[in-house]
Amino acid sequence: TPVDGVWPDLKDLDGLQRDAEMARALGFLGKSMVHPGQIDTVNAAFSPTADEIAFARALIADFEKAVADGHGSISFAGKLVDRPIYQRAVGTMRLAARVGLTAAV
């Protein structure tokens, strides 16, 4: 699991937020912290958004229907979706459930 390094300035939560958002955009899945006061900021940056949850939920439903119909991939939102992309959506839903944004998957 790729985890970004520490933001050392304990008083600069805005800087921490920008740094965490950049890390997420670069593909990191979390961030190391040195103080409990950083937890909420980091969790917010790495938690799925409502749009990401809705997208993942719809993708999962369409993909599972296609698999039940004997297909191994689908076109969803103009993009090819196969099993690895489906698994990423499932991971998004599991993370959302773990952080209390949706019911358990």
PDB file of N, CA and C in Angstrom:
ATOM      1  N   THR A   1       0.838  -1.177   0.000  1.00  0.00           N
ATOM      2  CA  THR A   1       0.000   0.000   0.000  1.00  0.00           C
ATOM      3  C   THR A   1       0.887   1.246   0.000  1.00  0.00           C
ATOM      4  N   PRO A   2       0.759   2.097  -0.999  1.00  0.00           N
ATOM      5  CA  PRO A   2       1.576   3.307  -1.027  1.00  0.00           C
ATOM      6  C   PRO A   2       1.064   4.345  -0.022  1.00  0.00           C
ATOM      7  N   VAL A   3       1.927   4.724   0.913  1.00  0.00           N
ATOM      8  CA  VAL A   3       1.580   5.688   1.954  1.00  0.00           C
ATOM      9  C   VAL A   3       2.553   6.858   1.868  1.00  0.00           C
ATOM     10  N   ASP A   4       2.001   8.051   1.834  1.00  0.00           N
ATOM     11  CA  ASP A   4       2.812   9.257   1.750  1.00  0.00           C
ATOM     12  C   ASP A   4       3.456   9.558   3.103  1.00  0.00           C
ATOM     13  N   GLY A   5       4.509  10.343   3.071  1.00  0.00           N
ATOM     14  CA  GLY A   5       5.253  10.680   4.268  1.00  0.00           C
ATOM     15  C   GLY A   5       4.566  11.718   5.149  1.00  0.00           C
ATOM     16  N   VAL A   6       5.230  12.059   6.206  1.00  0.00           N
ATOM     17  CA  VAL A   6       4.729  12.940   7.255  1.00  0.00           C
ATOM     18  C   VAL A   6       4.696  14.397   6.812  1.00  0.00           C
ATOM     19  N   TRP A   7       3.677  15.133   7.252  1.00  0.00           N
ATOM     20  CA  TRP A   7       3.644  16.598   7.154  1.00  0.00           C
ATOM     21  C   TRP A   7       4.098  17.098   8.520  1.00  0.00           C
ATOM     22  N   PRO A   8       5.278  17.704   8.616  1.00  0.00           N
ATOM     23  CA  PRO A   8       5.858  17.981   9.923  1.00  0.00           C
ATOM     24  C   PRO A   8       5.323  19.214  10.648  1.00  0.00           C
ATOM     25  N   ASP A   9       4.641  20.119   9.936  1.00  0.00           N
ATOM     26  CA  ASP A   9       4.178  21.354  10.568  1.00  0.00           C
ATOM     27  C   ASP A   9       2.826  21.113  11.235  1.00  0.00           C
ATOM     28  N   LEU A  10       2.842  20.907  12.538  1.00  0.00           N
ATOM     29  CA  LEU A  10       1.627  20.543  13.270  1.00  0.00           C
ATOM     30  C   LEU A  10       0.583  21.657  13.293  1.00  0.00           C
ATOM     31  N   LYS A  11       0.987  22.884  13.079  1.00  0.00           N
ATOM     32  CA  LYS A  11       0.053  24.016  13.141  1.00  0.00           C
ATOM     33  C   LYS A  11      -0.546  24.362  11.784  1.00  0.00           C
ATOM     34  N   ASP A  12       0.000  23.831  10.711  1.00  0.00           N
ATOM     35  CA  ASP A  12      -0.443  24.184   9.357  1.00  0.00           C
ATOM     36  C   ASP A  12      -1.350  23.091   8.789  1.00  0.00           C
ATOM     37  N   LEU A  13      -2.605  23.088   9.239  1.00  0.00           N
ATOM     38  CA  LEU A  13      -3.546  22.069   8.757  1.00  0.00           C
ATOM     39  C   LEU A  13      -3.975  22.325   7.311  1.00  0.00           C
ATOM     40  N   ASP A  14      -3.960  23.582   6.888  1.00  0.00           N
ATOM     41  CA  ASP A  14      -4.270  23.875   5.478  1.00  0.00           C
ATOM     42  C   ASP A  14      -3.192  23.288   4.568  1.00  0.00           C
ATOM     43  N   GLY A  15      -1.935  23.440   4.973  1.00  0.00           N
ATOM     44  CA  GLY A  15      -0.836  22.851   4.209  1.00  0.00           C
ATOM     45  C   GLY A  15      -0.927  21.340   4.203  1.00  0.00           C
ATOM     46  N   LEU A  16      -1.281  20.762   5.345  1.00  0.00           N
ATOM     47  CA  LEU A  16      -1.465  19.309   5.427  1.00  0.00           C
ATOM     48  C   LEU A  16      -2.563  18.860   4.480  1.00  0.00           C
ATOM     49  N   GLN A  17      -3.660  19.599   4.450  1.00  0.00           N
ATOM     50  CA  GLN A  17      -4.765  19.239   3.560  1.00  0.00           C
ATOM     51  C   GLN A  17      -4.322  19.270   2.100  1.00  0.00           C
ATOM     52  N   ARG A  18      -3.655  20.337   1.696  1.00  0.00           N
ATOM     53  CA  ARG A  18      -3.178  20.431   0.305  1.00  0.00           C
ATOM     54  C   ARG A  18      -2.200  19.295  -0.011  1.00  0.00           C
ATOM     55  N   ASP A  19      -1.302  19.011   0.926  1.00  0.00           N
ATOM     56  CA  ASP A  19      -0.310  17.966   0.719  1.00  0.00           C
ATOM     57  C   ASP A  19      -0.978  16.590   0.611  1.00  0.00           C
ATOM     58  N   ALA A  20      -1.961  16.328   1.470  1.00  0.00           N
ATOM     59  CA  ALA A  20      -2.664  15.043   1.440  1.00  0.00           C
ATOM     60  C   ALA A  20      -3.472  14.896   0.150  1.00  0.00           C
ATOM     61  N   GLU A  21      -4.127  15.962  -0.278  1.00  0.00           N
ATOM     62  CA  GLU A  21      -4.895  15.906  -1.526  1.00  0.00           C
ATOM     63  C   GLU A  21      -3.981  15.659  -2.728  1.00  0.00           C
ATOM     64  N   MET A  22      -2.804  16.278  -2.721  1.00  0.00           N
ATOM     65  CA  MET A  22      -1.844  16.043  -3.797  1.00  0.00           C
ATOM     66  C   MET A  22      -1.358  14.589  -3.760  1.00  0.00           C
ATOM     67  N   ALA A  23      -1.089  14.081  -2.566  1.00  0.00           N
ATOM     68  CA  ALA A  23      -0.644  12.689  -2.434  1.00  0.00           C
ATOM     69  C   ALA A  23      -1.701  11.736  -2.975  1.00  0.00           C
ATOM     70  N   ARG A  24      -2.961  11.991  -2.645  1.00  0.00           N
ATOM     71  CA  ARG A  24      -4.038  11.139  -3.154  1.00  0.00           C
ATOM     72  C   ARG A  24      -4.098  11.205  -4.680  1.00  0.00           C
ATOM     73  N   ALA A  25      -3.975  12.403  -5.227  1.00  0.00           N
ATOM     74  CA  ALA A  25      -4.007  12.566  -6.686  1.00  0.00           C
ATOM     75  C   ALA A  25      -2.850  11.820  -7.351  1.00  0.00           C
ATOM     76  N   LEU A  26      -1.732  11.687  -6.637  1.00  0.00           N
ATOM     77  CA  LEU A  26      -0.571  10.969  -7.166  1.00  0.00           C
ATOM     78  C   LEU A  26      -0.676   9.451  -6.989  1.00  0.00           C
ATOM     79  N   GLY A  27      -1.729   8.987  -6.315  1.00  0.00           N
ATOM     80  CA  GLY A  27      -1.940   7.551  -6.175  1.00  0.00           C
ATOM     81  C   GLY A  27      -1.658   6.974  -4.807  1.00  0.00           C
ATOM     82  N   PHE A  28      -1.269   7.818  -3.855  1.00  0.00           N
ATOM     83  CA  PHE A  28      -1.077   7.315  -2.498  1.00  0.00           C
ATOM     84  C   PHE A  28      -2.431   6.991  -1.887  1.00  0.00           C
ATOM     85  N   LEU A  29      -2.452   6.002  -0.999  1.00  0.00           N
ATOM     86  CA  LEU A  29      -3.700   5.567  -0.383  1.00  0.00           C
ATOM     87  C   LEU A  29      -3.816   6.005   1.075  1.00  0.00           C
ATOM     88  N   GLY A  30      -2.812   6.670   1.589  1.00  0.00           N
ATOM     89  CA  GLY A  30      -2.823   7.154   2.957  1.00  0.00           C
ATOM     90  C   GLY A  30      -1.612   8.028   3.202  1.00  0.00           C
ATOM     91  N   LYS A  31      -1.491   8.474   4.453  1.00  0.00           N
ATOM     92  CA  LYS A  31      -0.402   9.384   4.809  1.00  0.00           C
ATOM     93  C   LYS A  31       0.013   9.103   6.245  1.00  0.00           C
ATOM     94  N   SER A  32       1.304   9.077   6.479  1.00  0.00           N
ATOM     95  CA  SER A  32       1.827   8.946   7.836  1.00  0.00           C
ATOM     96  C   SER A  32       1.560  10.245   8.594  1.00  0.00           C
ATOM     97  N   MET A  33       1.368  10.114   9.903  1.00  0.00           N
ATOM     98  CA  MET A  33       1.110  11.295  10.729  1.00  0.00           C
ATOM     99  C   MET A  33       1.979  11.234  11.974  1.00  0.00           C
ATOM    100  N   VAL A  34       2.243  12.420  12.546  1.00  0.00           N
ATOM    101  CA  VAL A  34       3.042  12.490  13.759  1.00  0.00           C
ATOM    102  C   VAL A  34       2.239  13.011  14.946  1.00  0.00           C
ATOM    103  N   HIS A  35       0.973  13.371  14.705  1.00  0.00           N
ATOM    104  CA  HIS A  35       0.176  13.938  15.792  1.00  0.00           C
ATOM    105  C   HIS A  35      -1.297  13.607  15.569  1.00  0.00           C
ATOM    106  N   PRO A  36      -2.031  13.273  16.636  1.00  0.00           N
ATOM    107  CA  PRO A  36      -3.455  12.948  16.475  1.00  0.00           C
ATOM    108  C   PRO A  36      -4.284  14.102  15.929  1.00  0.00           C
ATOM    109  N   GLY A  37      -3.798  15.315  16.055  1.00  0.00           N
ATOM    110  CA  GLY A  37      -4.516  16.462  15.505  1.00  0.00           C
ATOM    111  C   GLY A  37      -4.560  16.471  13.986  1.00  0.00           C
ATOM    112  N   GLN A  38      -3.812  15.600  13.348  1.00  0.00           N
ATOM    113  CA  GLN A  38      -3.791  15.520  11.885  1.00  0.00           C
ATOM    114  C   GLN A  38      -4.766  14.467  11.336  1.00  0.00           C
ATOM    115  N   ILE A  39      -5.324  13.646  12.208  1.00  0.00           N
ATOM    116  CA  ILE A  39      -6.131  12.504  11.762  1.00  0.00           C
ATOM    117  C   ILE A  39      -7.326  12.922  10.921  1.00  0.00           C
ATOM    118  N   ASP A  40      -8.126  13.860  11.399  1.00  0.00           N
ATOM    119  CA  ASP A  40      -9.345  14.236  10.662  1.00  0.00           C
ATOM    120  C   ASP A  40      -9.022  14.788   9.272  1.00  0.00           C
ATOM    121  N   THR A  41      -7.983  15.608   9.183  1.00  0.00           N
ATOM    122  CA  THR A  41      -7.601  16.189   7.890  1.00  0.00           C
ATOM    123  C   THR A  41      -7.168  15.108   6.913  1.00  0.00           C
ATOM    124  N   VAL A  42      -6.348  14.181   7.382  1.00  0.00           N
ATOM    125  CA  VAL A  42      -5.860  13.111   6.512  1.00  0.00           C
ATOM    126  C   VAL A  42      -7.001  12.170   6.133  1.00  0.00           C
ATOM    127  N   ASN A  43      -7.842  11.808   7.095  1.00  0.00           N
ATOM    128  CA  ASN A  43      -8.971  10.931   6.770  1.00  0.00           C
ATOM    129  C   ASN A  43      -9.887  11.565   5.732  1.00  0.00           C
ATOM    130  N   ALA A  44     -10.145  12.855   5.867  1.00  0.00           N
ATOM    131  CA  ALA A  44     -11.007  13.536   4.896  1.00  0.00           C
ATOM    132  C   ALA A  44     -10.396  13.511   3.504  1.00  0.00           C
ATOM    133  N   ALA A  45      -9.095  13.696   3.415  1.00  0.00           N
ATOM    134  CA  ALA A  45      -8.434  13.732   2.107  1.00  0.00           C
ATOM    135  C   ALA A  45      -8.436  12.376   1.410  1.00  0.00           C
ATOM    136  N   PHE A  46      -8.378  11.296   2.178  1.00  0.00           N
ATOM    137  CA  PHE A  46      -8.259   9.967   1.565  1.00  0.00           C
ATOM    138  C   PHE A  46      -9.562   9.171   1.561  1.00  0.00           C
ATOM    139  N   SER A  47     -10.627   9.716   2.115  1.00  0.00           N
ATOM    140  CA  SER A  47     -11.918   9.033   2.096  1.00  0.00           C
ATOM    141  C   SER A  47     -12.611   9.282   0.764  1.00  0.00           C
ATOM    142  N   PRO A  48     -13.379   8.303   0.268  1.00  0.00           N
ATOM    143  CA  PRO A  48     -14.095   8.505  -0.992  1.00  0.00           C
ATOM    144  C   PRO A  48     -15.132   9.623  -0.860  1.00  0.00           C
ATOM    145  N   THR A  49     -15.286  10.386  -1.922  1.00  0.00           N
ATOM    146  CA  THR A  49     -16.301  11.438  -1.959  1.00  0.00           C
ATOM    147  C   THR A  49     -17.657  10.811  -2.292  1.00  0.00           C
ATOM    148  N   ALA A  50     -18.712  11.579  -2.097  1.00  0.00           N
ATOM    149  CA  ALA A  50     -20.058  11.104  -2.443  1.00  0.00           C
ATOM    150  C   ALA A  50     -20.138  10.746  -3.925  1.00  0.00           C
ATOM    151  N   ASP A  51     -19.506  11.548  -4.787  1.00  0.00           N
ATOM    152  CA  ASP A  51     -19.510  11.252  -6.230  1.00  0.00           C
ATOM    153  C   ASP A  51     -18.765   9.950  -6.527  1.00  0.00           C
ATOM    154  N   GLU A  52     -17.630   9.733  -5.862  1.00  0.00           N
ATOM    155  CA  GLU A  52     -16.869   8.498  -6.075  1.00  0.00           C
ATOM    156  C   GLU A  52     -17.661   7.278  -5.609  1.00  0.00           C
ATOM    157  N   ILE A  53     -18.377   7.425  -4.508  1.00  0.00           N
ATOM    158  CA  ILE A  53     -19.200   6.317  -3.998  1.00  0.00           C
ATOM    159  C   ILE A  53     -20.336   6.017  -4.971  1.00  0.00           C
ATOM    160  N   ALA A  54     -21.017   7.039  -5.442  1.00  0.00           N
ATOM    161  CA  ALA A  54     -22.117   6.840  -6.399  1.00  0.00           C
ATOM    162  C   ALA A  54     -21.613   6.192  -7.683  1.00  0.00           C
ATOM    163  N   PHE A  55     -20.465   6.650  -8.175  1.00  0.00           N
ATOM    164  CA  PHE A  55     -19.873   6.082  -9.384  1.00  0.00           C
ATOM    165  C   PHE A  55     -19.537   4.607  -9.165  1.00  0.00           C
ATOM    166  N   ALA A  56     -18.889   4.301  -8.051  1.00  0.00           N
ATOM    167  CA  ALA A  56     -18.507   2.914  -7.767  1.00  0.00           C
ATOM    168  C   ALA A  56     -19.736   2.028  -7.634  1.00  0.00           C
ATOM    169  N   ARG A  57     -20.752   2.514  -6.951  1.00  0.00           N
ATOM    170  CA  ARG A  57     -21.979   1.725  -6.767  1.00  0.00           C
ATOM    171  C   ARG A  57     -22.619   1.396  -8.118  1.00  0.00           C
ATOM    172  N   ALA A  58     -22.723   2.381  -9.000  1.00  0.00           N
ATOM    173  CA  ALA A  58     -23.332   2.161 -10.316  1.00  0.00           C
ATOM    174  C   ALA A  58     -22.471   1.236 -11.178  1.00  0.00           C
ATOM    175  N   LEU A  59     -21.150   1.426 -11.134  1.00  0.00           N
ATOM    176  CA  LEU A  59     -20.249   0.565 -11.895  1.00  0.00           C
ATOM    177  C   LEU A  59     -20.378  -0.878 -11.449  1.00  0.00           C
ATOM    178  N   ILE A  60     -20.398  -1.099 -10.147  1.00  0.00           N
ATOM    179  CA  ILE A  60     -20.519  -2.464  -9.604  1.00  0.00           C
ATOM    180  C   ILE A  60     -21.812  -3.104 -10.074  1.00  0.00           C
ATOM    181  N   ALA A  61     -22.907  -2.377  -9.985  1.00  0.00           N
ATOM    182  CA  ALA A  61     -24.199  -2.927 -10.404  1.00  0.00           C
ATOM    183  C   ALA A  61     -24.190  -3.305 -11.879  1.00  0.00           C
ATOM    184  N   ASP A  62     -23.695  -2.418 -12.736  1.00  0.00           N
ATOM    185  CA  ASP A  62     -23.664  -2.706 -14.174  1.00  0.00           C
ATOM    186  C   ASP A  62     -22.727  -3.869 -14.494  1.00  0.00           C
ATOM    187  N   PHE A  63     -21.565  -3.898 -13.846  1.00  0.00           N
ATOM    188  CA  PHE A  63     -20.601  -4.961 -14.119  1.00  0.00           C
ATOM    189  C   PHE A  63     -21.145  -6.314 -13.660  1.00  0.00           C
ATOM    190  N   GLU A  64     -21.726  -6.356 -12.477  1.00  0.00           N
ATOM    191  CA  GLU A  64     -22.259  -7.630 -11.975  1.00  0.00           C
ATOM    192  C   GLU A  64     -23.404  -8.142 -12.840  1.00  0.00           C
ATOM    193  N   LYS A  65     -24.221  -7.242 -13.370  1.00  0.00           N
ATOM    194  CA  LYS A  65     -25.288  -7.659 -14.286  1.00  0.00           C
ATOM    195  C   LYS A  65     -24.679  -8.231 -15.568  1.00  0.00           C
ATOM    196  N   ALA A  66     -23.658  -7.569 -16.085  1.00  0.00           N
ATOM    197  CA  ALA A  66     -22.998  -8.041 -17.309  1.00  0.00           C
ATOM    198  C   ALA A  66     -22.363  -9.406 -17.095  1.00  0.00           C
ATOM    199  N   VAL A  67     -21.710  -9.615 -15.963  1.00  0.00           N
ATOM    200  CA  VAL A  67     -21.102 -10.917 -15.662  1.00  0.00           C
ATOM    201  C   VAL A  67     -22.184 -11.991 -15.576  1.00  0.00           C
ATOM    202  N   ALA A  68     -23.301 -11.672 -14.943  1.00  0.00           N
ATOM    203  CA  ALA A  68     -24.408 -12.631 -14.854  1.00  0.00           C
ATOM    204  C   ALA A  68     -24.947 -12.978 -16.235  1.00  0.00           C
ATOM    205  N   ASP A  69     -24.843 -12.037 -17.171  1.00  0.00           N
ATOM    206  CA  ASP A  69     -25.291 -12.269 -18.549  1.00  0.00           C
ATOM    207  C   ASP A  69     -24.209 -12.914 -19.414  1.00  0.00           C
ATOM    208  N   GLY A  70     -23.048 -13.232 -18.809  1.00  0.00           N
ATOM    209  CA  GLY A  70     -21.997 -13.934 -19.526  1.00  0.00           C
ATOM    210  C   GLY A  70     -20.916 -13.060 -20.133  1.00  0.00           C
ATOM    211  N   HIS A  71     -20.879 -11.787 -19.768  1.00  0.00           N
ATOM    212  CA  HIS A  71     -19.872 -10.873 -20.311  1.00  0.00           C
ATOM    213  C   HIS A  71     -18.732 -10.690 -19.319  1.00  0.00           C
ATOM    214  N   GLY A  72     -17.541 -10.433 -19.831  1.00  0.00           N
ATOM    215  CA  GLY A  72     -16.378 -10.252 -18.971  1.00  0.00           C
ATOM    216  C   GLY A  72     -15.934  -8.821 -18.836  1.00  0.00           C
ATOM    217  N   SER A  73     -16.539  -7.932 -19.628  1.00  0.00           N
ATOM    218  CA  SER A  73     -16.210  -6.516 -19.542  1.00  0.00           C
ATOM    219  C   SER A  73     -17.412  -5.717 -20.032  1.00  0.00           C
ATOM    220  N   ILE A  74     -17.401  -4.434 -19.687  1.00  0.00           N
ATOM    221  CA  ILE A  74     -18.484  -3.549 -20.103  1.00  0.00           C
ATOM    222  C   ILE A  74     -17.899  -2.194 -20.490  1.00  0.00           C
ATOM    223  N   SER A  75     -18.732  -1.403 -21.123  1.00  0.00           N
ATOM    224  CA  SER A  75     -18.439   0.008 -21.319  1.00  0.00           C
ATOM    225  C   SER A  75     -19.248   0.749 -20.267  1.00  0.00           C
ATOM    226  N   PHE A  76     -18.571   1.558 -19.469  1.00  0.00           N
ATOM    227  CA  PHE A  76     -19.241   2.303 -18.412  1.00  0.00           C
ATOM    228  C   PHE A  76     -18.670   3.714 -18.403  1.00  0.00           C
ATOM    229  N   ALA A  77     -19.544   4.696 -18.485  1.00  0.00           N
ATOM    230  CA  ALA A  77     -19.135   6.099 -18.525  1.00  0.00           C
ATOM    231  C   ALA A  77     -18.103   6.337 -19.635  1.00  0.00           C
ATOM    232  N   GLY A  78     -18.281   5.619 -20.741  1.00  0.00           N
ATOM    233  CA  GLY A  78     -17.414   5.802 -21.892  1.00  0.00           C
ATOM    234  C   GLY A  78     -16.063   5.123 -21.808  1.00  0.00           C
ATOM    235  N   LYS A  79     -15.882   4.256 -20.796  1.00  0.00           N
ATOM    236  CA  LYS A  79     -14.595   3.588 -20.621  1.00  0.00           C
ATOM    237  C   LYS A  79     -14.789   2.084 -20.474  1.00  0.00           C
ATOM    238  N   LEU A  80     -13.761   1.365 -20.886  1.00  0.00           N
ATOM    239  CA  LEU A  80     -13.761  -0.084 -20.721  1.00  0.00           C
ATOM    240  C   LEU A  80     -13.608  -0.424 -19.244  1.00  0.00           C
ATOM    241  N   VAL A  81     -14.455  -1.316 -18.771  1.00  0.00           N
ATOM    242  CA  VAL A  81     -14.366  -1.798 -17.393  1.00  0.00           C
ATOM    243  C   VAL A  81     -14.241  -3.304 -17.435  1.00  0.00           C
ATOM    244  N   ASP A  82     -13.161  -3.803 -16.852  1.00  0.00           N
ATOM    245  CA  ASP A  82     -12.971  -5.241 -16.704  1.00  0.00           C
ATOM    246  C   ASP A  82     -12.789  -5.539 -15.212  1.00  0.00           C
ATOM    247  N   ARG A  83     -12.429  -6.770 -14.903  1.00  0.00           N
ATOM    248  CA  ARG A  83     -12.381  -7.182 -13.498  1.00  0.00           C
ATOM    249  C   ARG A  83     -11.492  -6.303 -12.611  1.00  0.00           C
ATOM    250  N   PRO A  84     -10.284  -5.899 -13.026  1.00  0.00           N
ATOM    251  CA  PRO A  84      -9.482  -5.045 -12.133  1.00  0.00           C
ATOM    252  C   PRO A  84     -10.146  -3.699 -11.812  1.00  0.00           C
ATOM    253  N   ILE A  85     -10.823  -3.118 -12.784  1.00  0.00           N
ATOM    254  CA  ILE A  85     -11.507  -1.844 -12.535  1.00  0.00           C
ATOM    255  C   ILE A  85     -12.699  -2.082 -11.616  1.00  0.00           C
ATOM    256  N   TYR A  86     -13.404  -3.178 -11.820  1.00  0.00           N
ATOM    257  CA  TYR A  86     -14.503  -3.565 -10.931  1.00  0.00           C
ATOM    258  C   TYR A  86     -13.981  -3.746  -9.500  1.00  0.00           C
ATOM    259  N   GLN A  87     -12.844  -4.431  -9.353  1.00  0.00           N
ATOM    260  CA  GLN A  87     -12.281  -4.657  -8.017  1.00  0.00           C
ATOM    261  C   GLN A  87     -11.908  -3.331  -7.353  1.00  0.00           C
ATOM    262  N   ARG A  88     -11.431  -2.376  -8.131  1.00  0.00           N
ATOM    263  CA  ARG A  88     -11.114  -1.058  -7.571  1.00  0.00           C
ATOM    264  C   ARG A  88     -12.388  -0.395  -7.039  1.00  0.00           C
ATOM    265  N   ALA A  89     -13.493  -0.533  -7.773  1.00  0.00           N
ATOM    266  CA  ALA A  89     -14.765   0.032  -7.315  1.00  0.00           C
ATOM    267  C   ALA A  89     -15.238  -0.661  -6.038  1.00  0.00           C
ATOM    268  N   VAL A  90     -15.068  -1.968  -5.985  1.00  0.00           N
ATOM    269  CA  VAL A  90     -15.415  -2.709  -4.758  1.00  0.00           C
ATOM    270  C   VAL A  90     -14.562  -2.200  -3.594  1.00  0.00           C
ATOM    271  N   GLY A  91     -13.283  -1.961  -3.843  1.00  0.00           N
ATOM    272  CA  GLY A  91     -12.404  -1.421  -2.810  1.00  0.00           C
ATOM    273  C   GLY A  91     -12.862  -0.047  -2.338  1.00  0.00           C
ATOM    274  N   THR A  92     -13.322   0.780  -3.255  1.00  0.00           N
ATOM    275  CA  THR A  92     -13.856   2.094  -2.886  1.00  0.00           C
ATOM    276  C   THR A  92     -15.050   1.935  -1.953  1.00  0.00           C
ATOM    277  N   MET A  93     -15.931   1.010  -2.268  1.00  0.00           N
ATOM    278  CA  MET A  93     -17.117   0.793  -1.433  1.00  0.00           C
ATOM    279  C   MET A  93     -16.740   0.214  -0.067  1.00  0.00           C
ATOM    280  N   ARG A  94     -15.761  -0.662  -0.030  1.00  0.00           N
ATOM    281  CA  ARG A  94     -15.316  -1.211   1.262  1.00  0.00           C
ATOM    282  C   ARG A  94     -14.704  -0.120   2.135  1.00  0.00           C
ATOM    283  N   LEU A  95     -13.888   0.737   1.523  1.00  0.00           N
ATOM    284  CA  LEU A  95     -13.300   1.847   2.272  1.00  0.00           C
ATOM    285  C   LEU A  95     -14.396   2.766   2.780  1.00  0.00           C
ATOM    286  N   ALA A  96     -15.363   3.081   1.934  1.00  0.00           N
ATOM    287  CA  ALA A  96     -16.474   3.942   2.353  1.00  0.00           C
ATOM    288  C   ALA A  96     -17.215   3.336   3.539  1.00  0.00           C
ATOM    289  N   ALA A  97     -17.397   2.035   3.526  1.00  0.00           N
ATOM    290  CA  ALA A  97     -18.067   1.366   4.641  1.00  0.00           C
ATOM    291  C   ALA A  97     -17.213   1.439   5.912  1.00  0.00           C
ATOM    292  N   ARG A  98     -15.908   1.219   5.768  1.00  0.00           N
ATOM    293  CA  ARG A  98     -15.017   1.255   6.935  1.00  0.00           C
ATOM    294  C   ARG A  98     -14.996   2.616   7.612  1.00  0.00           C
ATOM    295  N   VAL A  99     -15.123   3.678   6.832  1.00  0.00           N
ATOM    296  CA  VAL A  99     -15.075   5.000   7.430  1.00  0.00           C
ATOM    297  C   VAL A  99     -16.479   5.550   7.701  1.00  0.00           C
ATOM    298  N   GLY A 100     -17.494   4.697   7.559  1.00  0.00           N
ATOM    299  CA  GLY A 100     -18.843   5.055   7.936  1.00  0.00           C
ATOM    300  C   GLY A 100     -19.615   5.872   6.930  1.00  0.00           C
ATOM    301  N   LEU A 101     -19.208   5.857   5.670  1.00  0.00           N
ATOM    302  CA  LEU A 101     -19.916   6.625   4.645  1.00  0.00           C
ATOM    303  C   LEU A 101     -21.032   5.840   3.970  1.00  0.00           C
ATOM    304  N   THR A 102     -20.986   4.505   4.082  1.00  0.00           N
ATOM    305  CA  THR A 102     -22.029   3.646   3.518  1.00  0.00           C
ATOM    306  C   THR A 102     -22.202   2.437   4.434  1.00  0.00           C
ATOM    307  N   ALA A 103     -23.223   1.655   4.146  1.00  0.00           N
ATOM    308  CA  ALA A 103     -23.399   0.395   4.852  1.00  0.00           C
ATOM    309  C   ALA A 103     -22.287  -0.568   4.430  1.00  0.00           C
ATOM    310  N   ALA A 104     -22.023  -1.546   5.252  1.00  0.00           N
ATOM    311  CA  ALA A 104     -20.959  -2.532   4.956  1.00  0.00           C
ATOM    312  C   ALA A 104     -21.224  -3.205   3.621  1.00  0.00           C
ATOM    313  N   VAL A 105     -20.136  -3.447   2.898  1.00  0.00           N
ATOM    314  CA  VAL A 105     -20.204  -4.094   1.578  1.00  0.00           C
ATOM    315  C   VAL A 105     -19.919  -5.573   1.748  1.00  0.00           C
TER     316      VAL A 105
END
